[in-house]
């Protein structure tokens, strides 16, 4: 399935949450903190008021409760507004 975001929307794929601590303790899925980092998959064209400042392949941080979750080919993705992105990870 191919999805093209519209306006100031950005399609991202969530980064995997850590399943082990640095000391080797396994963290159950129920106790894992939701990650707030993702990789940009596709971007919309932007609007006059909101320009797109990320590109596919960028790693980003976003607001905790932002976006709409969707599944694409069995994998979790998120559609965010550009204004919900708080940083680009370099």
C-alpha atoms as a PDB file:
ATOM      1  CA  UNK A   1       0.000   0.000   0.000  1.00  0.00           C
ATOM      2  CA  UNK A   2       1.292   3.472  -0.870  1.00  0.00           C
ATOM      3  CA  UNK A   3       0.205   6.541   1.120  1.00  0.00           C
ATOM      4  CA  UNK A   4       0.897  10.170   0.170  1.00  0.00           C
ATOM      5  CA  UNK A   5       0.248  12.687   2.985  1.00  0.00           C
ATOM      6  CA  UNK A   6      -1.686  15.851   2.123  1.00  0.00           C
ATOM      7  CA  UNK A   7      -1.095  19.507   3.130  1.00  0.00           C
ATOM      8  CA  UNK A   8       1.155  19.785   6.206  1.00  0.00           C
ATOM      9  CA  UNK A   9       1.005  16.093   7.140  1.00  0.00           C
ATOM     10  CA  UNK A  10       4.004  13.754   7.569  1.00  0.00           C
ATOM     11  CA  UNK A  11       3.936   9.936   7.485  1.00  0.00           C
ATOM     12  CA  UNK A  12       6.388   8.379   9.955  1.00  0.00           C
ATOM     13  CA  UNK A  13       7.321   4.891  11.122  1.00  0.00           C
ATOM     14  CA  UNK A  14       7.780   4.541  14.869  1.00  0.00           C
ATOM     15  CA  UNK A  15      11.153   3.410  16.170  1.00  0.00           C
ATOM     16  CA  UNK A  16      11.108   0.126  18.055  1.00  0.00           C
ATOM     17  CA  UNK A  17      10.912   0.381  21.847  1.00  0.00           C
ATOM     18  CA  UNK A  18      13.776  -1.115  23.836  1.00  0.00           C
ATOM     19  CA  UNK A  19      12.947  -4.628  25.079  1.00  0.00           C
ATOM     20  CA  UNK A  20      16.005  -4.972  27.339  1.00  0.00           C
ATOM     21  CA  UNK A  21      17.765  -2.683  29.759  1.00  0.00           C
ATOM     22  CA  UNK A  22      21.505  -2.129  29.482  1.00  0.00           C
ATOM     23  CA  UNK A  23      22.012  -4.682  32.264  1.00  0.00           C
ATOM     24  CA  UNK A  24      20.037  -7.359  30.360  1.00  0.00           C
ATOM     25  CA  UNK A  25      16.670  -7.230  32.151  1.00  0.00           C
ATOM     26  CA  UNK A  26      13.805  -7.930  29.752  1.00  0.00           C
ATOM     27  CA  UNK A  27      11.053  -5.294  29.826  1.00  0.00           C
ATOM     28  CA  UNK A  28       7.540  -6.702  29.293  1.00  0.00           C
ATOM     29  CA  UNK A  29       5.548  -5.016  26.502  1.00  0.00           C
ATOM     30  CA  UNK A  30       2.970  -3.666  28.975  1.00  0.00           C
ATOM     31  CA  UNK A  31       5.700  -1.820  30.893  1.00  0.00           C
ATOM     32  CA  UNK A  32       7.517  -0.377  27.872  1.00  0.00           C
ATOM     33  CA  UNK A  33       7.317   3.369  27.531  1.00  0.00           C
ATOM     34  CA  UNK A  34       5.967   4.505  24.170  1.00  0.00           C
ATOM     35  CA  UNK A  35       8.720   5.820  21.992  1.00  0.00           C
ATOM     36  CA  UNK A  36       8.427   9.377  20.737  1.00  0.00           C
ATOM     37  CA  UNK A  37      10.961   9.018  17.953  1.00  0.00           C
ATOM     38  CA  UNK A  38      10.300   7.935  14.390  1.00  0.00           C
ATOM     39  CA  UNK A  39      11.673   7.931  10.855  1.00  0.00           C
ATOM     40  CA  UNK A  40       9.989  10.042   8.174  1.00  0.00           C
ATOM     41  CA  UNK A  41       8.564   7.907   5.356  1.00  0.00           C
ATOM     42  CA  UNK A  42       6.708  10.518   3.258  1.00  0.00           C
ATOM     43  CA  UNK A  43       5.755  14.197   3.465  1.00  0.00           C
ATOM     44  CA  UNK A  44       2.935  16.324   2.092  1.00  0.00           C
ATOM     45  CA  UNK A  45       3.515  19.450  -0.002  1.00  0.00           C
ATOM     46  CA  UNK A  46       2.917  21.853   2.912  1.00  0.00           C
ATOM     47  CA  UNK A  47       0.672  24.914   2.987  1.00  0.00           C
ATOM     48  CA  UNK A  48       1.235  28.654   2.794  1.00  0.00           C
ATOM     49  CA  UNK A  49       1.111  28.846   6.602  1.00  0.00           C
ATOM     50  CA  UNK A  50       2.998  25.623   7.434  1.00  0.00           C
ATOM     51  CA  UNK A  51       6.105  24.728   5.418  1.00  0.00           C
ATOM     52  CA  UNK A  52       7.503  21.185   5.487  1.00  0.00           C
ATOM     53  CA  UNK A  53      10.992  21.218   7.027  1.00  0.00           C
ATOM     54  CA  UNK A  54      11.642  17.454   7.163  1.00  0.00           C
ATOM     55  CA  UNK A  55      12.340  14.989   4.367  1.00  0.00           C
ATOM     56  CA  UNK A  56      11.999  11.218   3.976  1.00  0.00           C
ATOM     57  CA  UNK A  57      14.749   9.434   5.906  1.00  0.00           C
ATOM     58  CA  UNK A  58      14.992  12.040   8.719  1.00  0.00           C
ATOM     59  CA  UNK A  59      14.693  10.808  12.314  1.00  0.00           C
ATOM     60  CA  UNK A  60      12.396  13.002  14.372  1.00  0.00           C
ATOM     61  CA  UNK A  61      10.937  13.483  17.860  1.00  0.00           C
ATOM     62  CA  UNK A  62       7.231  14.282  18.185  1.00  0.00           C
ATOM     63  CA  UNK A  63       4.648  15.195  20.839  1.00  0.00           C
ATOM     64  CA  UNK A  64       3.580  12.200  22.926  1.00  0.00           C
ATOM     65  CA  UNK A  65      -0.128  12.052  22.042  1.00  0.00           C
ATOM     66  CA  UNK A  66       0.095  13.448  18.507  1.00  0.00           C
ATOM     67  CA  UNK A  67      -1.041  11.964  15.228  1.00  0.00           C
ATOM     68  CA  UNK A  68      -3.242   9.222  13.875  1.00  0.00           C
ATOM     69  CA  UNK A  69      -2.040   5.626  14.044  1.00  0.00           C
ATOM     70  CA  UNK A  70      -2.387   3.453  10.943  1.00  0.00           C
ATOM     71  CA  UNK A  71      -1.108   0.048   9.816  1.00  0.00           C
ATOM     72  CA  UNK A  72       0.624  -0.250   6.454  1.00  0.00           C
ATOM     73  CA  UNK A  73       1.475  -3.784   5.338  1.00  0.00           C
ATOM     74  CA  UNK A  74       1.198  -4.964   8.966  1.00  0.00           C
ATOM     75  CA  UNK A  75       3.556  -2.308  10.373  1.00  0.00           C
ATOM     76  CA  UNK A  76       2.547   0.583  12.661  1.00  0.00           C
ATOM     77  CA  UNK A  77       2.882   4.086  11.221  1.00  0.00           C
ATOM     78  CA  UNK A  78       1.709   7.511  12.318  1.00  0.00           C
ATOM     79  CA  UNK A  79       0.410  10.501  10.365  1.00  0.00           C
ATOM     80  CA  UNK A  80       1.467  13.728  12.094  1.00  0.00           C
ATOM     81  CA  UNK A  81       0.928  17.420  11.486  1.00  0.00           C
ATOM     82  CA  UNK A  82       4.178  19.267  10.838  1.00  0.00           C
ATOM     83  CA  UNK A  83       3.541  21.339  13.992  1.00  0.00           C
ATOM     84  CA  UNK A  84       3.576  18.129  16.130  1.00  0.00           C
ATOM     85  CA  UNK A  85       7.230  17.473  15.205  1.00  0.00           C
ATOM     86  CA  UNK A  86       9.453  18.976  17.892  1.00  0.00           C
ATOM     87  CA  UNK A  87      12.973  18.074  16.691  1.00  0.00           C
ATOM     88  CA  UNK A  88      15.096  16.425  14.016  1.00  0.00           C
ATOM     89  CA  UNK A  89      17.589  13.909  15.424  1.00  0.00           C
ATOM     90  CA  UNK A  90      21.039  14.186  13.818  1.00  0.00           C
END
